[in-house]
Amino acid sequence: MIVAGFGFRKTASLSSLRSALANAGGTMGATVLAAPDDKCEAACFQALVRETGLPVVAVRPAQLAATTTPTQSDHSHAARQTGSVAEAAALAAAGQHAELIAPRAISEDRLATCALAKENSQ
């Protein structure tokens, strides 16, 4: 399982999410999409879900805050208590022993981020 985790601003569009996903390298391998639970119903995210047909994992705020990420963004810390929303969403959704395979990539319009994590059975 490869999880594409997303973080995005309210003004993000489907194009923003596509760009972030492409920049993370996930257009060919993602099998699950993940985002903070309060963002999963956003129109742009739902459009990506329909377009890809992939299942969604809604990540709770406590899961985001409990997940250590290599990227450390002041904005993400202030908003979500994690270094990178995209990385935290991907890692949390991929499971306890998940491994980040693509760090946070930013969309061309800078409104969305995407990171990839894989399930790592131990």
PDB file of N, CA and C in Angstrom:
ATOM      1  N   MET A   1       0.839  -1.175   0.000  1.00  0.00           N
ATOM      2  CA  MET A   1       0.000   0.000   0.000  1.00  0.00           C
ATOM      3  C   MET A   1       0.888   1.243   0.000  1.00  0.00           C
ATOM      4  N   ILE A   2       0.590   2.158  -0.904  1.00  0.00           N
ATOM      5  CA  ILE A   2       1.280   3.452  -0.949  1.00  0.00           C
ATOM      6  C   ILE A   2       0.233   4.535  -0.741  1.00  0.00           C
ATOM      7  N   VAL A   3       0.443   5.331   0.305  1.00  0.00           N
ATOM      8  CA  VAL A   3      -0.499   6.380   0.674  1.00  0.00           C
ATOM      9  C   VAL A   3       0.016   7.724   0.192  1.00  0.00           C
ATOM     10  N   ALA A   4      -0.838   8.454  -0.512  1.00  0.00           N
ATOM     11  CA  ALA A   4      -0.559   9.841  -0.881  1.00  0.00           C
ATOM     12  C   ALA A   4      -1.268  10.719   0.137  1.00  0.00           C
ATOM     13  N   GLY A   5      -0.489  11.357   0.995  1.00  0.00           N
ATOM     14  CA  GLY A   5      -1.035  12.233   2.018  1.00  0.00           C
ATOM     15  C   GLY A   5      -1.035  13.664   1.529  1.00  0.00           C
ATOM     16  N   PHE A   6      -2.107  14.391   1.859  1.00  0.00           N
ATOM     17  CA  PHE A   6      -2.262  15.762   1.379  1.00  0.00           C
ATOM     18  C   PHE A   6      -2.463  16.739   2.517  1.00  0.00           C
ATOM     19  N   GLY A   7      -1.945  17.922   2.304  1.00  0.00           N
ATOM     20  CA  GLY A   7      -2.255  19.103   3.083  1.00  0.00           C
ATOM     21  C   GLY A   7      -2.580  20.178   2.058  1.00  0.00           C
ATOM     22  N   PHE A   8      -3.578  20.997   2.331  1.00  0.00           N
ATOM     23  CA  PHE A   8      -3.919  22.035   1.349  1.00  0.00           C
ATOM     24  C   PHE A   8      -4.706  23.160   1.989  1.00  0.00           C
ATOM     25  N   ARG A   9      -4.610  24.306   1.367  1.00  0.00           N
ATOM     26  CA  ARG A   9      -5.316  25.499   1.835  1.00  0.00           C
ATOM     27  C   ARG A   9      -6.753  25.490   1.326  1.00  0.00           C
ATOM     28  N   LYS A  10      -7.587  26.306   1.938  1.00  0.00           N
ATOM     29  CA  LYS A  10      -8.999  26.392   1.537  1.00  0.00           C
ATOM     30  C   LYS A  10      -9.155  26.795   0.075  1.00  0.00           C
ATOM     31  N   THR A  11      -8.210  27.555  -0.441  1.00  0.00           N
ATOM     32  CA  THR A  11      -8.298  28.048  -1.817  1.00  0.00           C
ATOM     33  C   THR A  11      -7.714  27.085  -2.846  1.00  0.00           C
ATOM     34  N   ALA A  12      -7.265  25.917  -2.401  1.00  0.00           N
ATOM     35  CA  ALA A  12      -6.694  24.930  -3.331  1.00  0.00           C
ATOM     36  C   ALA A  12      -7.775  24.412  -4.278  1.00  0.00           C
ATOM     37  N   SER A  13      -7.323  23.989  -5.443  1.00  0.00           N
ATOM     38  CA  SER A  13      -8.221  23.436  -6.467  1.00  0.00           C
ATOM     39  C   SER A  13      -7.795  22.007  -6.792  1.00  0.00           C
ATOM     40  N   LEU A  14      -8.587  21.353  -7.623  1.00  0.00           N
ATOM     41  CA  LEU A  14      -8.202  20.033  -8.105  1.00  0.00           C
ATOM     42  C   LEU A  14      -6.841  20.096  -8.785  1.00  0.00           C
ATOM     43  N   SER A  15      -6.604  21.140  -9.532  1.00  0.00           N
ATOM     44  CA  SER A  15      -5.316  21.325 -10.196  1.00  0.00           C
ATOM     45  C   SER A  15      -4.176  21.405  -9.176  1.00  0.00           C
ATOM     46  N   SER A  16      -4.426  22.062  -8.048  1.00  0.00           N
ATOM     47  CA  SER A  16      -3.410  22.158  -6.983  1.00  0.00           C
ATOM     48  C   SER A  16      -3.047  20.769  -6.472  1.00  0.00           C
ATOM     49  N   LEU A  17      -4.065  19.952  -6.206  1.00  0.00           N
ATOM     50  CA  LEU A  17      -3.822  18.607  -5.684  1.00  0.00           C
ATOM     51  C   LEU A  17      -3.134  17.725  -6.719  1.00  0.00           C
ATOM     52  N   ARG A  18      -3.569  17.824  -7.964  1.00  0.00           N
ATOM     53  CA  ARG A  18      -2.912  17.054  -9.036  1.00  0.00           C
ATOM     54  C   ARG A  18      -1.430  17.408  -9.124  1.00  0.00           C
ATOM     55  N   SER A  19      -1.143  18.702  -9.073  1.00  0.00           N
ATOM     56  CA  SER A  19       0.242  19.177  -9.177  1.00  0.00           C
ATOM     57  C   SER A  19       1.082  18.658  -8.016  1.00  0.00           C
ATOM     58  N   ALA A  20       0.563  18.745  -6.799  1.00  0.00           N
ATOM     59  CA  ALA A  20       1.304  18.245  -5.639  1.00  0.00           C
ATOM     60  C   ALA A  20       1.552  16.746  -5.752  1.00  0.00           C
ATOM     61  N   LEU A  21       0.536  16.012  -6.171  1.00  0.00           N
ATOM     62  CA  LEU A  21       0.673  14.564  -6.340  1.00  0.00           C
ATOM     63  C   LEU A  21       1.729  14.236  -7.389  1.00  0.00           C
ATOM     64  N   ALA A  22       1.678  14.931  -8.505  1.00  0.00           N
ATOM     65  CA  ALA A  22       2.667  14.701  -9.570  1.00  0.00           C
ATOM     66  C   ALA A  22       4.072  15.047  -9.087  1.00  0.00           C
ATOM     67  N   ASN A  23       4.222  16.158  -8.376  1.00  0.00           N
ATOM     68  CA  ASN A  23       5.539  16.569  -7.886  1.00  0.00           C
ATOM     69  C   ASN A  23       6.099  15.603  -6.846  1.00  0.00           C
ATOM     70  N   ALA A  24       5.219  14.898  -6.151  1.00  0.00           N
ATOM     71  CA  ALA A  24       5.665  13.882  -5.183  1.00  0.00           C
ATOM     72  C   ALA A  24       5.983  12.557  -5.873  1.00  0.00           C
ATOM     73  N   GLY A  25       5.604  12.435  -7.148  1.00  0.00           N
ATOM     74  CA  GLY A  25       5.870  11.206  -7.889  1.00  0.00           C
ATOM     75  C   GLY A  25       4.802  10.150  -7.715  1.00  0.00           C
ATOM     76  N   GLY A  26       3.632  10.529  -7.213  1.00  0.00           N
ATOM     77  CA  GLY A  26       2.614   9.555  -6.872  1.00  0.00           C
ATOM     78  C   GLY A  26       1.590   9.238  -7.929  1.00  0.00           C
ATOM     79  N   THR A  27       1.724   9.807  -9.103  1.00  0.00           N
ATOM     80  CA  THR A  27       0.692   9.588 -10.108  1.00  0.00           C
ATOM     81  C   THR A  27       0.624   8.144 -10.577  1.00  0.00           C
ATOM     82  N   MET A  28       1.686   7.403 -10.430  1.00  0.00           N
ATOM     83  CA  MET A  28       1.683   6.029 -10.923  1.00  0.00           C
ATOM     84  C   MET A  28       1.543   4.980  -9.813  1.00  0.00           C
ATOM     85  N   GLY A  29       1.833   5.344  -8.550  1.00  0.00           N
ATOM     86  CA  GLY A  29       1.887   4.293  -7.547  1.00  0.00           C
ATOM     87  C   GLY A  29       0.977   4.412  -6.346  1.00  0.00           C
ATOM     88  N   ALA A  30       0.340   5.551  -6.145  1.00  0.00           N
ATOM     89  CA  ALA A  30      -0.501   5.706  -4.960  1.00  0.00           C
ATOM     90  C   ALA A  30      -1.699   4.763  -5.033  1.00  0.00           C
ATOM     91  N   THR A  31      -2.005   4.133  -3.907  1.00  0.00           N
ATOM     92  CA  THR A  31      -3.150   3.219  -3.836  1.00  0.00           C
ATOM     93  C   THR A  31      -4.208   3.698  -2.858  1.00  0.00           C
ATOM     94  N   VAL A  32      -3.872   4.713  -2.048  1.00  0.00           N
ATOM     95  CA  VAL A  32      -4.780   5.279  -1.052  1.00  0.00           C
ATOM     96  C   VAL A  32      -4.495   6.775  -0.961  1.00  0.00           C
ATOM     97  N   LEU A  33      -5.542   7.562  -0.731  1.00  0.00           N
ATOM     98  CA  LEU A  33      -5.396   8.993  -0.480  1.00  0.00           C
ATOM     99  C   LEU A  33      -5.680   9.258   0.989  1.00  0.00           C
ATOM    100  N   ALA A  34      -4.976  10.226   1.573  1.00  0.00           N
ATOM    101  CA  ALA A  34      -5.204  10.585   2.972  1.00  0.00           C
ATOM    102  C   ALA A  34      -5.124  12.094   3.132  1.00  0.00           C
ATOM    103  N   ALA A  35      -5.908  12.595   4.081  1.00  0.00           N
ATOM    104  CA  ALA A  35      -5.923  14.028   4.390  1.00  0.00           C
ATOM    105  C   ALA A  35      -6.487  14.188   5.797  1.00  0.00           C
ATOM    106  N   PRO A  36      -6.283  15.355   6.396  1.00  0.00           N
ATOM    107  CA  PRO A  36      -6.924  15.607   7.687  1.00  0.00           C
ATOM    108  C   PRO A  36      -8.431  15.411   7.568  1.00  0.00           C
ATOM    109  N   ASP A  37      -9.036  14.871   8.609  1.00  0.00           N
ATOM    110  CA  ASP A  37     -10.458  14.525   8.524  1.00  0.00           C
ATOM    111  C   ASP A  37     -11.352  15.699   8.156  1.00  0.00           C
ATOM    112  N   ASP A  38     -11.005  16.905   8.581  1.00  0.00           N
ATOM    113  CA  ASP A  38     -11.835  18.063   8.251  1.00  0.00           C
ATOM    114  C   ASP A  38     -11.633  18.560   6.824  1.00  0.00           C
ATOM    115  N   LYS A  39     -10.684  18.005   6.100  1.00  0.00           N
ATOM    116  CA  LYS A  39     -10.431  18.393   4.708  1.00  0.00           C
ATOM    117  C   LYS A  39     -10.964  17.368   3.706  1.00  0.00           C
ATOM    118  N   CYS A  40     -11.350  16.210   4.187  1.00  0.00           N
ATOM    119  CA  CYS A  40     -11.747  15.127   3.279  1.00  0.00           C
ATOM    120  C   CYS A  40     -13.005  15.435   2.471  1.00  0.00           C
ATOM    121  N   GLU A  41     -13.845  16.331   2.941  1.00  0.00           N
ATOM    122  CA  GLU A  41     -15.062  16.676   2.212  1.00  0.00           C
ATOM    123  C   GLU A  41     -14.888  17.912   1.335  1.00  0.00           C
ATOM    124  N   ALA A  42     -13.697  18.487   1.305  1.00  0.00           N
ATOM    125  CA  ALA A  42     -13.447  19.656   0.457  1.00  0.00           C
ATOM    126  C   ALA A  42     -13.696  19.292  -1.003  1.00  0.00           C
ATOM    127  N   ALA A  43     -14.264  20.225  -1.739  1.00  0.00           N
ATOM    128  CA  ALA A  43     -14.624  19.963  -3.137  1.00  0.00           C
ATOM    129  C   ALA A  43     -13.427  19.502  -3.966  1.00  0.00           C
ATOM    130  N   CYS A  44     -12.281  20.127  -3.791  1.00  0.00           N
ATOM    131  CA  CYS A  44     -11.109  19.747  -4.582  1.00  0.00           C
ATOM    132  C   CYS A  44     -10.656  18.328  -4.252  1.00  0.00           C
ATOM    133  N   PHE A  45     -10.692  17.965  -2.974  1.00  0.00           N
ATOM    134  CA  PHE A  45     -10.271  16.625  -2.578  1.00  0.00           C
ATOM    135  C   PHE A  45     -11.261  15.582  -3.077  1.00  0.00           C
ATOM    136  N   GLN A  46     -12.544  15.869  -2.952  1.00  0.00           N
ATOM    137  CA  GLN A  46     -13.553  14.938  -3.451  1.00  0.00           C
ATOM    138  C   GLN A  46     -13.446  14.761  -4.964  1.00  0.00           C
ATOM    139  N   ALA A  47     -13.084  15.827  -5.671  1.00  0.00           N
ATOM    140  CA  ALA A  47     -12.883  15.717  -7.117  1.00  0.00           C
ATOM    141  C   ALA A  47     -11.709  14.792  -7.426  1.00  0.00           C
ATOM    142  N   LEU A  48     -10.638  14.874  -6.635  1.00  0.00           N
ATOM    143  CA  LEU A  48      -9.489  13.984  -6.830  1.00  0.00           C
ATOM    144  C   LEU A  48      -9.871  12.537  -6.521  1.00  0.00           C
ATOM    145  N   VAL A  49     -10.662  12.350  -5.479  1.00  0.00           N
ATOM    146  CA  VAL A  49     -11.130  11.006  -5.134  1.00  0.00           C
ATOM    147  C   VAL A  49     -11.927  10.411  -6.296  1.00  0.00           C
ATOM    148  N   ARG A  50     -12.839  11.198  -6.848  1.00  0.00           N
ATOM    149  CA  ARG A  50     -13.634  10.705  -7.988  1.00  0.00           C
ATOM    150  C   ARG A  50     -12.743  10.421  -9.197  1.00  0.00           C
ATOM    151  N   GLU A  51     -11.790  11.296  -9.441  1.00  0.00           N
ATOM    152  CA  GLU A  51     -10.907  11.147 -10.598  1.00  0.00           C
ATOM    153  C   GLU A  51     -10.020   9.908 -10.487  1.00  0.00           C
ATOM    154  N   THR A  52      -9.494   9.651  -9.298  1.00  0.00           N
ATOM    155  CA  THR A  52      -8.571   8.524  -9.130  1.00  0.00           C
ATOM    156  C   THR A  52      -9.280   7.219  -8.783  1.00  0.00           C
ATOM    157  N   GLY A  53     -10.447   7.323  -8.157  1.00  0.00           N
ATOM    158  CA  GLY A  53     -11.153   6.128  -7.708  1.00  0.00           C
ATOM    159  C   GLY A  53     -10.486   5.441  -6.527  1.00  0.00           C
ATOM    160  N   LEU A  54      -9.563   6.135  -5.864  1.00  0.00           N
ATOM    161  CA  LEU A  54      -8.830   5.530  -4.749  1.00  0.00           C
ATOM    162  C   LEU A  54      -9.582   5.702  -3.430  1.00  0.00           C
ATOM    163  N   PRO A  55      -9.411   4.749  -2.510  1.00  0.00           N
ATOM    164  CA  PRO A  55     -10.027   4.887  -1.199  1.00  0.00           C
ATOM    165  C   PRO A  55      -9.361   6.009  -0.402  1.00  0.00           C
ATOM    166  N   VAL A  56     -10.070   6.491   0.613  1.00  0.00           N
ATOM    167  CA  VAL A  56      -9.607   7.624   1.418  1.00  0.00           C
ATOM    168  C   VAL A  56      -9.475   7.217   2.873  1.00  0.00           C
ATOM    169  N   VAL A  57      -8.418   7.713   3.496  1.00  0.00           N
ATOM    170  CA  VAL A  57      -8.262   7.605   4.942  1.00  0.00           C
ATOM    171  C   VAL A  57      -8.322   9.028   5.495  1.00  0.00           C
ATOM    172  N   ALA A  58      -9.266   9.259   6.385  1.00  0.00           N
ATOM    173  CA  ALA A  58      -9.392  10.543   7.073  1.00  0.00           C
ATOM    174  C   ALA A  58      -8.556  10.474   8.345  1.00  0.00           C
ATOM    175  N   VAL A  59      -7.591  11.366   8.462  1.00  0.00           N
ATOM    176  CA  VAL A  59      -6.659  11.333   9.589  1.00  0.00           C
ATOM    177  C   VAL A  59      -7.111  12.339  10.653  1.00  0.00           C
ATOM    178  N   ARG A  60      -7.267  11.855  11.862  1.00  0.00           N
ATOM    179  CA  ARG A  60      -7.718  12.689  12.980  1.00  0.00           C
ATOM    180  C   ARG A  60      -6.603  13.641  13.447  1.00  0.00           C
ATOM    181  N   PRO A  61      -6.978  14.772  14.031  1.00  0.00           N
ATOM    182  CA  PRO A  61      -5.980  15.739  14.506  1.00  0.00           C
ATOM    183  C   PRO A  61      -4.946  15.129  15.456  1.00  0.00           C
ATOM    184  N   ALA A  62      -5.377  14.258  16.362  1.00  0.00           N
ATOM    185  CA  ALA A  62      -4.436  13.640  17.301  1.00  0.00           C
ATOM    186  C   ALA A  62      -3.400  12.782  16.575  1.00  0.00           C
ATOM    187  N   GLN A  63      -3.822  12.123  15.499  1.00  0.00           N
ATOM    188  CA  GLN A  63      -2.881  11.308  14.720  1.00  0.00           C
ATOM    189  C   GLN A  63      -1.846  12.202  14.034  1.00  0.00           C
ATOM    190  N   LEU A  64      -2.294  13.311  13.479  1.00  0.00           N
ATOM    191  CA  LEU A  64      -1.362  14.247  12.839  1.00  0.00           C
ATOM    192  C   LEU A  64      -0.334  14.745  13.849  1.00  0.00           C
ATOM    193  N   ALA A  65      -0.818  15.188  15.005  1.00  0.00           N
ATOM    194  CA  ALA A  65       0.066  15.756  16.026  1.00  0.00           C
ATOM    195  C   ALA A  65       1.039  14.722  16.586  1.00  0.00           C
ATOM    196  N   ALA A  66       0.657  13.468  16.600  1.00  0.00           N
ATOM    197  CA  ALA A  66       1.512  12.413  17.166  1.00  0.00           C
ATOM    198  C   ALA A  66       2.533  11.870  16.172  1.00  0.00           C
ATOM    199  N   THR A  67       2.459  12.314  14.933  1.00  0.00           N
ATOM    200  CA  THR A  67       3.346  11.775  13.893  1.00  0.00           C
ATOM    201  C   THR A  67       4.527  12.705  13.655  1.00  0.00           C
ATOM    202  N   THR A  68       5.723  12.180  13.828  1.00  0.00           N
ATOM    203  CA  THR A  68       6.952  12.940  13.596  1.00  0.00           C
ATOM    204  C   THR A  68       7.256  12.967  12.104  1.00  0.00           C
ATOM    205  N   THR A  69       7.572  14.148  11.594  1.00  0.00           N
ATOM    206  CA  THR A  69       7.856  14.299  10.172  1.00  0.00           C
ATOM    207  C   THR A  69       9.241  14.910   9.966  1.00  0.00           C
ATOM    208  N   PRO A  70       9.921  14.536   8.876  1.00  0.00           N
ATOM    209  CA  PRO A  70      11.227  15.129   8.608  1.00  0.00           C
ATOM    210  C   PRO A  70      11.138  16.622   8.270  1.00  0.00           C
ATOM    211  N   THR A  71      10.080  17.022   7.593  1.00  0.00           N
ATOM    212  CA  THR A  71       9.896  18.429   7.262  1.00  0.00           C
ATOM    213  C   THR A  71       9.316  19.145   8.469  1.00  0.00           C
ATOM    214  N   GLN A  72       9.797  20.340   8.733  1.00  0.00           N
ATOM    215  CA  GLN A  72       9.318  21.133   9.861  1.00  0.00           C
ATOM    216  C   GLN A  72       8.902  22.517   9.371  1.00  0.00           C
ATOM    217  N   SER A  73       7.608  22.708   9.204  1.00  0.00           N
ATOM    218  CA  SER A  73       7.045  23.971   8.745  1.00  0.00           C
ATOM    219  C   SER A  73       6.411  24.705   9.925  1.00  0.00           C
ATOM    220  N   ASP A  74       6.779  25.964  10.101  1.00  0.00           N
ATOM    221  CA  ASP A  74       6.176  26.769  11.169  1.00  0.00           C
ATOM    222  C   ASP A  74       4.670  26.885  10.974  1.00  0.00           C
ATOM    223  N   HIS A  75       4.241  27.038   9.737  1.00  0.00           N
ATOM    224  CA  HIS A  75       2.807  27.157   9.444  1.00  0.00           C
ATOM    225  C   HIS A  75       2.075  25.869   9.841  1.00  0.00           C
ATOM    226  N   SER A  76       2.634  24.726   9.493  1.00  0.00           N
ATOM    227  CA  SER A  76       2.004  23.449   9.843  1.00  0.00           C
ATOM    228  C   SER A  76       1.959  23.239  11.351  1.00  0.00           C
ATOM    229  N   HIS A  77       3.036  23.627  12.031  1.00  0.00           N
ATOM    230  CA  HIS A  77       3.041  23.504  13.489  1.00  0.00           C
ATOM    231  C   HIS A  77       1.942  24.349  14.115  1.00  0.00           C
ATOM    232  N   ALA A  78       1.788  25.578  13.627  1.00  0.00           N
ATOM    233  CA  ALA A  78       0.773  26.473  14.184  1.00  0.00           C
ATOM    234  C   ALA A  78      -0.640  25.970  13.893  1.00  0.00           C
ATOM    235  N   ALA A  79      -0.848  25.468  12.688  1.00  0.00           N
ATOM    236  CA  ALA A  79      -2.197  25.059  12.274  1.00  0.00           C
ATOM    237  C   ALA A  79      -2.573  23.659  12.739  1.00  0.00           C
ATOM    238  N   ARG A  80      -1.614  22.723  12.734  1.00  0.00           N
ATOM    239  CA  ARG A  80      -1.951  21.307  12.950  1.00  0.00           C
ATOM    240  C   ARG A  80      -1.057  20.579  13.942  1.00  0.00           C
ATOM    241  N   GLN A  81      -0.138  21.286  14.583  1.00  0.00           N
ATOM    242  CA  GLN A  81       0.769  20.687  15.573  1.00  0.00           C
ATOM    243  C   GLN A  81       1.614  19.555  14.996  1.00  0.00           C
ATOM    244  N   THR A  82       1.997  19.697  13.735  1.00  0.00           N
ATOM    245  CA  THR A  82       2.895  18.734  13.089  1.00  0.00           C
ATOM    246  C   THR A  82       3.787  19.490  12.118  1.00  0.00           C
ATOM    247  N   GLY A  83       4.920  18.917  11.788  1.00  0.00           N
ATOM    248  CA  GLY A  83       5.861  19.586  10.895  1.00  0.00           C
ATOM    249  C   GLY A  83       5.399  19.669   9.457  1.00  0.00           C
ATOM    250  N   SER A  84       4.664  18.671   9.001  1.00  0.00           N
ATOM    251  CA  SER A  84       4.136  18.639   7.636  1.00  0.00           C
ATOM    252  C   SER A  84       2.829  17.868   7.649  1.00  0.00           C
ATOM    253  N   VAL A  85       1.765  18.527   7.260  1.00  0.00           N
ATOM    254  CA  VAL A  85       0.463  17.869   7.231  1.00  0.00           C
ATOM    255  C   VAL A  85       0.477  16.717   6.235  1.00  0.00           C
ATOM    256  N   ALA A  86       1.037  16.933   5.053  1.00  0.00           N
ATOM    257  CA  ALA A  86       1.067  15.889   4.026  1.00  0.00           C
ATOM    258  C   ALA A  86       1.849  14.667   4.504  1.00  0.00           C
ATOM    259  N   GLU A  87       3.033  14.890   5.070  1.00  0.00           N
ATOM    260  CA  GLU A  87       3.843  13.769   5.560  1.00  0.00           C
ATOM    261  C   GLU A  87       3.151  13.049   6.709  1.00  0.00           C
ATOM    262  N   ALA A  88       2.595  13.805   7.644  1.00  0.00           N
ATOM    263  CA  ALA A  88       1.915  13.189   8.789  1.00  0.00           C
ATOM    264  C   ALA A  88       0.695  12.392   8.340  1.00  0.00           C
ATOM    265  N   ALA A  89      -0.073  12.932   7.394  1.00  0.00           N
ATOM    266  CA  ALA A  89      -1.254  12.217   6.899  1.00  0.00           C
ATOM    267  C   ALA A  89      -0.842  10.920   6.213  1.00  0.00           C
ATOM    268  N   ALA A  90       0.188  10.981   5.381  1.00  0.00           N
ATOM    269  CA  ALA A  90       0.650   9.786   4.669  1.00  0.00           C
ATOM    270  C   ALA A  90       1.154   8.731   5.650  1.00  0.00           C
ATOM    271  N   LEU A  91       1.985   9.137   6.588  1.00  0.00           N
ATOM    272  CA  LEU A  91       2.556   8.187   7.553  1.00  0.00           C
ATOM    273  C   LEU A  91       1.480   7.600   8.459  1.00  0.00           C
ATOM    274  N   ALA A  92       0.592   8.435   8.974  1.00  0.00           N
ATOM    275  CA  ALA A  92      -0.459   7.944   9.867  1.00  0.00           C
ATOM    276  C   ALA A  92      -1.373   6.958   9.151  1.00  0.00           C
ATOM    277  N   ALA A  93      -1.727   7.260   7.919  1.00  0.00           N
ATOM    278  CA  ALA A  93      -2.633   6.387   7.170  1.00  0.00           C
ATOM    279  C   ALA A  93      -1.971   5.078   6.768  1.00  0.00           C
ATOM    280  N   ALA A  94      -0.651   5.090   6.592  1.00  0.00           N
ATOM    281  CA  ALA A  94       0.060   3.882   6.159  1.00  0.00           C
ATOM    282  C   ALA A  94       0.323   2.913   7.309  1.00  0.00           C
ATOM    283  N   GLY A  95       0.155   3.342   8.538  1.00  0.00           N
ATOM    284  CA  GLY A  95       0.284   2.416   9.653  1.00  0.00           C
ATOM    285  C   GLY A  95       1.465   2.672  10.550  1.00  0.00           C
ATOM    286  N   GLN A  96       1.512   1.909  11.623  1.00  0.00           N
ATOM    287  CA  GLN A  96       2.482   2.114  12.701  1.00  0.00           C
ATOM    288  C   GLN A  96       3.931   2.059  12.243  1.00  0.00           C
ATOM    289  N   HIS A  97       4.257   1.201  11.313  1.00  0.00           N
ATOM    290  CA  HIS A  97       5.646   1.044  10.874  1.00  0.00           C
ATOM    291  C   HIS A  97       5.864   1.631   9.480  1.00  0.00           C
ATOM    292  N   ALA A  98       5.102   2.658   9.145  1.00  0.00           N
ATOM    293  CA  ALA A  98       5.180   3.260   7.812  1.00  0.00           C
ATOM    294  C   ALA A  98       6.529   3.925   7.577  1.00  0.00           C
ATOM    295  N   GLU A  99       6.858   3.999   6.302  1.00  0.00           N
ATOM    296  CA  GLU A  99       8.105   4.624   5.872  1.00  0.00           C
ATOM    297  C   GLU A  99       7.771   5.678   4.826  1.00  0.00           C
ATOM    298  N   LEU A 100       8.326   6.875   4.995  1.00  0.00           N
ATOM    299  CA  LEU A 100       8.125   7.939   4.018  1.00  0.00           C
ATOM    300  C   LEU A 100       8.979   7.633   2.796  1.00  0.00           C
ATOM    301  N   ILE A 101       8.364   7.573   1.622  1.00  0.00           N
ATOM    302  CA  ILE A 101       9.127   7.287   0.408  1.00  0.00           C
ATOM    303  C   ILE A 101       9.274   8.521  -0.474  1.00  0.00           C
ATOM    304  N   ALA A 102       8.476   9.547  -0.231  1.00  0.00           N
ATOM    305  CA  ALA A 102       8.631  10.832  -0.928  1.00  0.00           C
ATOM    306  C   ALA A 102       8.212  11.923   0.045  1.00  0.00           C
ATOM    307  N   PRO A 103       9.155  12.790   0.429  1.00  0.00           N
ATOM    308  CA  PRO A 103       8.800  13.864   1.353  1.00  0.00           C
ATOM    309  C   PRO A 103       7.845  14.856   0.699  1.00  0.00           C
ATOM    310  N   ARG A 104       7.375  15.755   1.493  1.00  0.00           N
ATOM    311  CA  ARG A 104       6.427  16.775   1.050  1.00  0.00           C
ATOM    312  C   ARG A 104       6.880  17.450  -0.242  1.00  0.00           C
ATOM    313  N   ALA A 105       5.993  17.432  -1.204  1.00  0.00           N
ATOM    314  CA  ALA A 105       6.203  18.161  -2.465  1.00  0.00           C
ATOM    315  C   ALA A 105       5.099  19.211  -2.545  1.00  0.00           C
ATOM    316  N   ILE A 106       5.438  20.345  -3.095  1.00  0.00           N
ATOM    317  CA  ILE A 106       4.515  21.482  -3.137  1.00  0.00           C
ATOM    318  C   ILE A 106       3.974  21.655  -4.543  1.00  0.00           C
ATOM    319  N   SER A 107       2.688  21.972  -4.627  1.00  0.00           N
ATOM    320  CA  SER A 107       2.057  22.221  -5.929  1.00  0.00           C
ATOM    321  C   SER A 107       2.642  23.473  -6.564  1.00  0.00           C
ATOM    322  N   GLU A 108       2.484  23.575  -7.868  1.00  0.00           N
ATOM    323  CA  GLU A 108       3.008  24.730  -8.597  1.00  0.00           C
ATOM    324  C   GLU A 108       2.424  26.035  -8.083  1.00  0.00           C
ATOM    325  N   ASP A 109       1.163  26.035  -7.664  1.00  0.00           N
ATOM    326  CA  ASP A 109       0.532  27.258  -7.161  1.00  0.00           C
ATOM    327  C   ASP A 109       0.749  27.457  -5.660  1.00  0.00           C
ATOM    328  N   ARG A 110       1.476  26.519  -5.029  1.00  0.00           N
ATOM    329  CA  ARG A 110       1.850  26.582  -3.619  1.00  0.00           C
ATOM    330  C   ARG A 110       0.648  26.507  -2.665  1.00  0.00           C
ATOM    331  N   LEU A 111      -0.448  25.919  -3.109  1.00  0.00           N
ATOM    332  CA  LEU A 111      -1.650  25.807  -2.288  1.00  0.00           C
ATOM    333  C   LEU A 111      -1.864  24.407  -1.717  1.00  0.00           C
ATOM    334  N   ALA A 112      -1.060  23.443  -2.158  1.00  0.00           N
ATOM    335  CA  ALA A 112      -1.229  22.059  -1.710  1.00  0.00           C
ATOM    336  C   ALA A 112       0.131  21.386  -1.589  1.00  0.00           C
ATOM    337  N   THR A 113       0.174  20.398  -0.696  1.00  0.00           N
ATOM    338  CA  THR A 113       1.364  19.563  -0.566  1.00  0.00           C
ATOM    339  C   THR A 113       0.942  18.103  -0.589  1.00  0.00           C
ATOM    340  N   CYS A 114       1.873  17.263  -0.991  1.00  0.00           N
ATOM    341  CA  CYS A 114       1.624  15.827  -1.030  1.00  0.00           C
ATOM    342  C   CYS A 114       2.909  15.106  -0.644  1.00  0.00           C
ATOM    343  N   ALA A 115       2.773  14.040   0.112  1.00  0.00           N
ATOM    344  CA  ALA A 115       3.893  13.170   0.470  1.00  0.00           C
ATOM    345  C   ALA A 115       3.428  11.731   0.315  1.00  0.00           C
ATOM    346  N   LEU A 116       4.362  10.838   0.083  1.00  0.00           N
ATOM    347  CA  LEU A 116       4.047   9.424  -0.087  1.00  0.00           C
ATOM    348  C   LEU A 116       4.686   8.587   1.010  1.00  0.00           C
ATOM    349  N   ALA A 117       3.912   7.661   1.525  1.00  0.00           N
ATOM    350  CA  ALA A 117       4.421   6.716   2.534  1.00  0.00           C
ATOM    351  C   ALA A 117       3.953   5.319   2.152  1.00  0.00           C
ATOM    352  N   LYS A 118       4.740   4.351   2.558  1.00  0.00           N
ATOM    353  CA  LYS A 118       4.332   2.966   2.290  1.00  0.00           C
ATOM    354  C   LYS A 118       4.216   2.200   3.595  1.00  0.00           C
ATOM    355  N   GLU A 119       3.316   1.257   3.546  1.00  0.00           N
ATOM    356  CA  GLU A 119       3.123   0.345   4.654  1.00  0.00           C
ATOM    357  C   GLU A 119       4.385  -0.506   4.746  1.00  0.00           C
ATOM    358  N   ASN A 120       4.868  -0.705   5.953  1.00  0.00           N
ATOM    359  CA  ASN A 120       6.101  -1.460   6.146  1.00  0.00           C
ATOM    360  C   ASN A 120       5.842  -2.499   7.216  1.00  0.00           C
ATOM    361  N   SER A 121       5.530  -3.719   6.802  1.00  0.00           N
ATOM    362  CA  SER A 121       5.247  -4.766   7.780  1.00  0.00           C
ATOM    363  C   SER A 121       6.559  -5.230   8.417  1.00  0.00           C
ATOM    364  N   GLN A 122       6.509  -5.430   9.706  1.00  0.00           N
ATOM    365  CA  GLN A 122       7.734  -5.845  10.418  1.00  0.00           C
ATOM    366  C   GLN A 122       7.505  -7.127  11.137  1.00  0.00           C
TER     367      GLN A 122
END
